[in-house]
Amino acid sequence: MTDIQELLLSRIRDVADYPEPGVMFKDITPLLADPAAFTALTDALAEIAERVGATKVVGLEARGFILGAPVAVRAGLGFIPVRKAGKLPGATLSQTYELEYGSAEIEVHAEDLSGDDRVLIVDDVLATGGTAEASIQLIRRAGAEIAGLAVLMELGFLNGRSRLEPALTGAPLDALLVV
């Protein structure tokens, strides 16, 4: 494990039985509150954006906004939020996806992405991959290319990577931590 990985992992708090019994929630708020850890995380994700040749960073609601916006600033790129349905004004593109119990919908402004864009998707956690997969579909429908997907933490036991790798069609999936 690298020094950066040790620093990041040391600032993630496990919260048992949240939001429901049997779930071990990974709370990143202590990491965000530590300027050295947050800077290290931002720098590491910005390096990925530069490595993959991204022209835009997309952050997934809501913690992907917290991580993606400073990454975009650090890398000198634009930031695009992917929001829950009904949260963006104006013309949007939407993508519906299935959850364990029901479905959800995400949106992006129709004019925010174009065929000239290479997008790095940023989020805090890769779990089952449903939201990330929907965002990949949405970004492609907007005409942009997927440059990669970068997350702070991958919950390896949920196997979201196997779901996403076909959707990424060769674009890299980078997880700074795998737990």
C-alpha atoms as a PDB file:
ATOM      1  CA  MET A   1       0.000   0.000   0.000  1.00  0.00           C
ATOM      2  CA  THR A   2       1.338   3.445  -0.932  1.00  0.00           C
ATOM      3  CA  ASP A   3       1.653   6.358   1.494  1.00  0.00           C
ATOM      4  CA  ILE A   4      -1.251   8.132  -0.226  1.00  0.00           C
ATOM      5  CA  GLN A   5      -3.449   5.046   0.027  1.00  0.00           C
ATOM      6  CA  GLU A   6      -2.596   4.690   3.725  1.00  0.00           C
ATOM      7  CA  LEU A   7      -3.408   8.363   4.317  1.00  0.00           C
ATOM      8  CA  LEU A   8      -6.746   8.134   2.494  1.00  0.00           C
ATOM      9  CA  LEU A   9      -7.771   4.873   4.143  1.00  0.00           C
ATOM     10  CA  SER A  10      -6.870   6.226   7.595  1.00  0.00           C
ATOM     11  CA  ARG A  11      -9.353   9.081   7.072  1.00  0.00           C
ATOM     12  CA  ILE A  12     -12.334   6.918   6.047  1.00  0.00           C
ATOM     13  CA  ARG A  13     -14.586   5.987   8.929  1.00  0.00           C
ATOM     14  CA  ASP A  14     -16.629   2.797   9.040  1.00  0.00           C
ATOM     15  CA  VAL A  15     -20.173   3.306  10.338  1.00  0.00           C
ATOM     16  CA  ALA A  16     -21.897   0.029  11.185  1.00  0.00           C
ATOM     17  CA  ASP A  17     -25.560  -0.546  10.373  1.00  0.00           C
ATOM     18  CA  TYR A  18     -25.993   2.628   8.326  1.00  0.00           C
ATOM     19  CA  PRO A  19     -28.255   3.364   6.501  1.00  0.00           C
ATOM     20  CA  GLU A  20     -29.759   0.023   7.488  1.00  0.00           C
ATOM     21  CA  PRO A  21     -28.803  -2.989   9.612  1.00  0.00           C
ATOM     22  CA  GLY A  22     -26.044  -5.113   8.122  1.00  0.00           C
ATOM     23  CA  VAL A  23     -24.493  -2.334   6.018  1.00  0.00           C
ATOM     24  CA  MET A  24     -20.991  -1.023   6.784  1.00  0.00           C
ATOM     25  CA  PHE A  25     -21.076   2.574   5.490  1.00  0.00           C
ATOM     26  CA  LYS A  26     -17.795   4.137   4.364  1.00  0.00           C
ATOM     27  CA  ASP A  27     -17.910   7.746   5.619  1.00  0.00           C
ATOM     28  CA  ILE A  28     -15.522  10.059   3.750  1.00  0.00           C
ATOM     29  CA  THR A  29     -16.325  13.203   5.744  1.00  0.00           C
ATOM     30  CA  PRO A  30     -13.189  12.825   7.962  1.00  0.00           C
ATOM     31  CA  LEU A  31     -11.103  12.691   4.759  1.00  0.00           C
ATOM     32  CA  LEU A  32     -12.779  15.822   3.416  1.00  0.00           C
ATOM     33  CA  ALA A  33     -12.162  17.619   6.723  1.00  0.00           C
ATOM     34  CA  ASP A  34      -8.407  16.888   6.572  1.00  0.00           C
ATOM     35  CA  PRO A  35      -6.765  19.365   4.150  1.00  0.00           C
ATOM     36  CA  ALA A  36      -3.710  17.154   3.554  1.00  0.00           C
ATOM     37  CA  ALA A  37      -5.805  14.077   2.768  1.00  0.00           C
ATOM     38  CA  PHE A  38      -8.308  15.993   0.610  1.00  0.00           C
ATOM     39  CA  THR A  39      -5.448  17.609  -1.322  1.00  0.00           C
ATOM     40  CA  ALA A  40      -3.751  14.242  -1.837  1.00  0.00           C
ATOM     41  CA  LEU A  41      -7.037  12.784  -3.116  1.00  0.00           C
ATOM     42  CA  THR A  42      -7.641  15.740  -5.441  1.00  0.00           C
ATOM     43  CA  ASP A  43      -4.097  15.551  -6.812  1.00  0.00           C
ATOM     44  CA  ALA A  44      -4.325  11.799  -7.415  1.00  0.00           C
ATOM     45  CA  LEU A  45      -7.622  12.103  -9.290  1.00  0.00           C
ATOM     46  CA  ALA A  46      -6.353  15.120 -11.291  1.00  0.00           C
ATOM     47  CA  GLU A  47      -3.339  13.037 -12.362  1.00  0.00           C
ATOM     48  CA  ILE A  48      -5.743  10.398 -13.683  1.00  0.00           C
ATOM     49  CA  ALA A  49      -7.679  13.083 -15.605  1.00  0.00           C
ATOM     50  CA  GLU A  50      -4.447  14.263 -17.204  1.00  0.00           C
ATOM     51  CA  ARG A  51      -3.235  10.706 -17.931  1.00  0.00           C
ATOM     52  CA  VAL A  52      -6.436   9.755 -19.782  1.00  0.00           C
ATOM     53  CA  GLY A  53      -6.572  13.012 -21.760  1.00  0.00           C
ATOM     54  CA  ALA A  54      -9.874  14.188 -20.311  1.00  0.00           C
ATOM     55  CA  THR A  55     -11.345  17.475 -21.488  1.00  0.00           C
ATOM     56  CA  LYS A  56     -14.183  17.482 -18.922  1.00  0.00           C
ATOM     57  CA  VAL A  57     -14.815  15.965 -15.506  1.00  0.00           C
ATOM     58  CA  VAL A  58     -18.281  14.631 -14.714  1.00  0.00           C
ATOM     59  CA  GLY A  59     -19.222  14.273 -11.050  1.00  0.00           C
ATOM     60  CA  LEU A  60     -22.044  11.967  -9.981  1.00  0.00           C
ATOM     61  CA  GLU A  61     -24.543  13.242  -7.438  1.00  0.00           C
ATOM     62  CA  ALA A  62     -23.777  13.937  -4.707  1.00  0.00           C
ATOM     63  CA  ARG A  63     -20.325  13.058  -3.374  1.00  0.00           C
ATOM     64  CA  GLY A  64     -18.988  12.953  -6.928  1.00  0.00           C
ATOM     65  CA  PHE A  65     -19.634  16.714  -6.986  1.00  0.00           C
ATOM     66  CA  ILE A  66     -17.476  17.198  -3.891  1.00  0.00           C
ATOM     67  CA  LEU A  67     -14.608  15.235  -5.433  1.00  0.00           C
ATOM     68  CA  GLY A  68     -15.028  16.065  -9.126  1.00  0.00           C
ATOM     69  CA  ALA A  69     -15.175  19.859  -8.925  1.00  0.00           C
ATOM     70  CA  PRO A  70     -11.739  20.353  -7.298  1.00  0.00           C
ATOM     71  CA  VAL A  71     -10.286  17.701  -9.616  1.00  0.00           C
ATOM     72  CA  ALA A  72     -11.523  19.690 -12.613  1.00  0.00           C
ATOM     73  CA  VAL A  73     -10.047  22.900 -11.216  1.00  0.00           C
ATOM     74  CA  ARG A  74      -6.712  21.216 -10.448  1.00  0.00           C
ATOM     75  CA  ALA A  75      -6.550  19.668 -13.942  1.00  0.00           C
ATOM     76  CA  GLY A  76      -7.700  22.877 -15.677  1.00  0.00           C
ATOM     77  CA  LEU A  77     -10.879  21.262 -17.031  1.00  0.00           C
ATOM     78  CA  GLY A  78     -14.578  22.017 -17.030  1.00  0.00           C
ATOM     79  CA  PHE A  79     -16.859  20.316 -14.509  1.00  0.00           C
ATOM     80  CA  ILE A  80     -20.261  18.856 -15.418  1.00  0.00           C
ATOM     81  CA  PRO A  81     -22.700  17.598 -12.759  1.00  0.00           C
ATOM     82  CA  VAL A  82     -24.826  14.527 -13.385  1.00  0.00           C
ATOM     83  CA  ARG A  83     -27.879  15.053 -11.201  1.00  0.00           C
ATOM     84  CA  LYS A  84     -30.942  13.216 -10.047  1.00  0.00           C
ATOM     85  CA  ALA A  85     -33.928  13.843 -12.314  1.00  0.00           C
ATOM     86  CA  GLY A  86     -35.657  17.189 -11.939  1.00  0.00           C
ATOM     87  CA  LYS A  87     -32.711  19.069 -10.400  1.00  0.00           C
ATOM     88  CA  LEU A  88     -31.351  20.798 -13.524  1.00  0.00           C
ATOM     89  CA  PRO A  89     -33.084  23.712 -15.250  1.00  0.00           C
ATOM     90  CA  GLY A  90     -33.360  23.823 -19.024  1.00  0.00           C
ATOM     91  CA  ALA A  91     -33.033  21.091 -21.620  1.00  0.00           C
ATOM     92  CA  THR A  92     -31.626  17.840 -20.273  1.00  0.00           C
ATOM     93  CA  LEU A  93     -30.835  14.319 -21.374  1.00  0.00           C
ATOM     94  CA  SER A  94     -31.928  11.622 -18.951  1.00  0.00           C
ATOM     95  CA  GLN A  95     -31.098   7.991 -18.293  1.00  0.00           C
ATOM     96  CA  THR A  96     -33.182   5.589 -16.230  1.00  0.00           C
ATOM     97  CA  TYR A  97     -31.554   2.645 -14.474  1.00  0.00           C
ATOM     98  CA  GLU A  98     -32.600  -0.163 -12.183  1.00  0.00           C
ATOM     99  CA  LEU A  99     -31.969  -0.231  -8.462  1.00  0.00           C
ATOM    100  CA  GLU A 100     -32.342  -3.192  -6.129  1.00  0.00           C
ATOM    101  CA  TYR A 101     -35.914  -2.087  -5.374  1.00  0.00           C
ATOM    102  CA  GLY A 102     -37.205   0.070  -8.221  1.00  0.00           C
ATOM    103  CA  SER A 103     -35.546   2.484 -10.586  1.00  0.00           C
ATOM    104  CA  ALA A 104     -33.858   5.885 -10.620  1.00  0.00           C
ATOM    105  CA  GLU A 105     -33.143   8.545 -13.220  1.00  0.00           C
ATOM    106  CA  ILE A 106     -30.169  10.845 -13.752  1.00  0.00           C
ATOM    107  CA  GLU A 107     -29.794  13.879 -16.004  1.00  0.00           C
ATOM    108  CA  VAL A 108     -27.211  16.163 -17.577  1.00  0.00           C
ATOM    109  CA  HIS A 109     -27.695  19.445 -19.403  1.00  0.00           C
ATOM    110  CA  ALA A 110     -27.985  18.628 -23.096  1.00  0.00           C
ATOM    111  CA  GLU A 111     -25.575  21.397 -24.157  1.00  0.00           C
ATOM    112  CA  ASP A 112     -22.818  20.662 -21.603  1.00  0.00           C
ATOM    113  CA  LEU A 113     -21.165  17.835 -23.558  1.00  0.00           C
ATOM    114  CA  SER A 114     -20.305  17.408 -27.222  1.00  0.00           C
ATOM    115  CA  GLY A 115     -18.497  15.088 -29.587  1.00  0.00           C
ATOM    116  CA  ASP A 116     -15.274  16.990 -28.880  1.00  0.00           C
ATOM    117  CA  ASP A 117     -15.273  15.978 -25.205  1.00  0.00           C
ATOM    118  CA  ARG A 118     -13.361  13.170 -23.500  1.00  0.00           C
ATOM    119  CA  VAL A 119     -14.966  12.695 -20.103  1.00  0.00           C
ATOM    120  CA  LEU A 120     -13.523  11.404 -16.861  1.00  0.00           C
ATOM    121  CA  ILE A 121     -16.341  10.299 -14.550  1.00  0.00           C
ATOM    122  CA  VAL A 122     -15.529  10.860 -10.859  1.00  0.00           C
ATOM    123  CA  ASP A 123     -17.345   9.426  -7.856  1.00  0.00           C
ATOM    124  CA  ASP A 124     -16.532   8.493  -4.284  1.00  0.00           C
ATOM    125  CA  VAL A 125     -17.468   4.802  -4.242  1.00  0.00           C
ATOM    126  CA  LEU A 126     -17.940   2.096  -6.831  1.00  0.00           C
ATOM    127  CA  ALA A 127     -20.419  -0.374  -5.368  1.00  0.00           C
ATOM    128  CA  THR A 128     -22.634  -2.359  -7.763  1.00  0.00           C
ATOM    129  CA  GLY A 129     -21.956   0.025 -10.659  1.00  0.00           C
ATOM    130  CA  GLY A 130     -25.551   0.896 -11.550  1.00  0.00           C
ATOM    131  CA  THR A 131     -25.226   4.677 -11.332  1.00  0.00           C
ATOM    132  CA  ALA A 132     -21.845   4.673 -13.069  1.00  0.00           C
ATOM    133  CA  GLU A 133     -23.180   2.479 -15.876  1.00  0.00           C
ATOM    134  CA  ALA A 134     -26.151   4.820 -16.369  1.00  0.00           C
ATOM    135  CA  SER A 135     -23.811   7.825 -16.449  1.00  0.00           C
ATOM    136  CA  ILE A 136     -21.677   6.143 -19.133  1.00  0.00           C
ATOM    137  CA  GLN A 137     -24.789   5.626 -21.261  1.00  0.00           C
ATOM    138  CA  LEU A 138     -25.924   9.205 -20.644  1.00  0.00           C
ATOM    139  CA  ILE A 139     -22.543  10.724 -21.553  1.00  0.00           C
ATOM    140  CA  ARG A 140     -22.374   8.691 -24.748  1.00  0.00           C
ATOM    141  CA  ARG A 141     -25.911   9.775 -25.671  1.00  0.00           C
ATOM    142  CA  ALA A 142     -24.715  13.376 -25.275  1.00  0.00           C
ATOM    143  CA  GLY A 143     -22.110  12.577 -27.942  1.00  0.00           C
ATOM    144  CA  ALA A 144     -19.029  12.606 -25.714  1.00  0.00           C
ATOM    145  CA  GLU A 145     -16.356   9.932 -25.382  1.00  0.00           C
ATOM    146  CA  ILE A 146     -15.609   8.183 -22.088  1.00  0.00           C
ATOM    147  CA  ALA A 147     -11.959   8.777 -21.155  1.00  0.00           C
ATOM    148  CA  GLY A 148     -12.267   6.801 -17.920  1.00  0.00           C
ATOM    149  CA  LEU A 149     -13.918   6.331 -14.562  1.00  0.00           C
ATOM    150  CA  ALA A 150     -12.078   7.222 -11.346  1.00  0.00           C
ATOM    151  CA  VAL A 151     -13.279   6.548  -7.816  1.00  0.00           C
ATOM    152  CA  LEU A 152     -11.825   7.026  -4.386  1.00  0.00           C
ATOM    153  CA  MET A 153     -12.895   3.565  -3.275  1.00  0.00           C
ATOM    154  CA  GLU A 154     -14.105   0.363  -4.878  1.00  0.00           C
ATOM    155  CA  LEU A 155     -16.107  -2.100  -2.797  1.00  0.00           C
ATOM    156  CA  GLY A 156     -14.571  -5.139  -4.467  1.00  0.00           C
ATOM    157  CA  PHE A 157     -16.918  -7.661  -2.861  1.00  0.00           C
ATOM    158  CA  LEU A 158     -19.882  -6.112  -4.738  1.00  0.00           C
ATOM    159  CA  ASN A 159     -18.229  -6.807  -8.111  1.00  0.00           C
ATOM    160  CA  GLY A 160     -19.246  -3.529  -9.791  1.00  0.00           C
ATOM    161  CA  ARG A 161     -16.076  -3.582 -11.886  1.00  0.00           C
ATOM    162  CA  SER A 162     -17.217  -6.648 -13.841  1.00  0.00           C
ATOM    163  CA  ARG A 163     -20.477  -4.851 -14.667  1.00  0.00           C
ATOM    164  CA  LEU A 164     -18.695  -1.678 -15.813  1.00  0.00           C
ATOM    165  CA  GLU A 165     -15.726  -2.938 -17.797  1.00  0.00           C
ATOM    166  CA  PRO A 166     -17.845  -3.933 -20.835  1.00  0.00           C
ATOM    167  CA  ALA A 167     -19.640  -0.550 -20.706  1.00  0.00           C
ATOM    168  CA  LEU A 168     -16.319   1.309 -20.553  1.00  0.00           C
ATOM    169  CA  THR A 169     -15.198  -0.402 -23.804  1.00  0.00           C
ATOM    170  CA  GLY A 170     -11.505  -0.148 -23.029  1.00  0.00           C
ATOM    171  CA  ALA A 171     -11.501   3.105 -21.061  1.00  0.00           C
ATOM    172  CA  PRO A 172      -9.737   2.636 -17.710  1.00  0.00           C
ATOM    173  CA  LEU A 173     -11.444   2.211 -14.355  1.00  0.00           C
ATOM    174  CA  ASP A 174      -9.161   3.599 -11.632  1.00  0.00           C
ATOM    175  CA  ALA A 175      -9.893   3.000  -7.951  1.00  0.00           C
ATOM    176  CA  LEU A 176      -7.463   4.604  -5.515  1.00  0.00           C
ATOM    177  CA  LEU A 177      -8.559   2.119  -2.816  1.00  0.00           C
ATOM    178  CA  VAL A 178     -10.106  -1.335  -3.103  1.00  0.00           C
ATOM    179  CA  VAL A 179     -11.785  -2.566   0.059  1.00  0.00           C
END
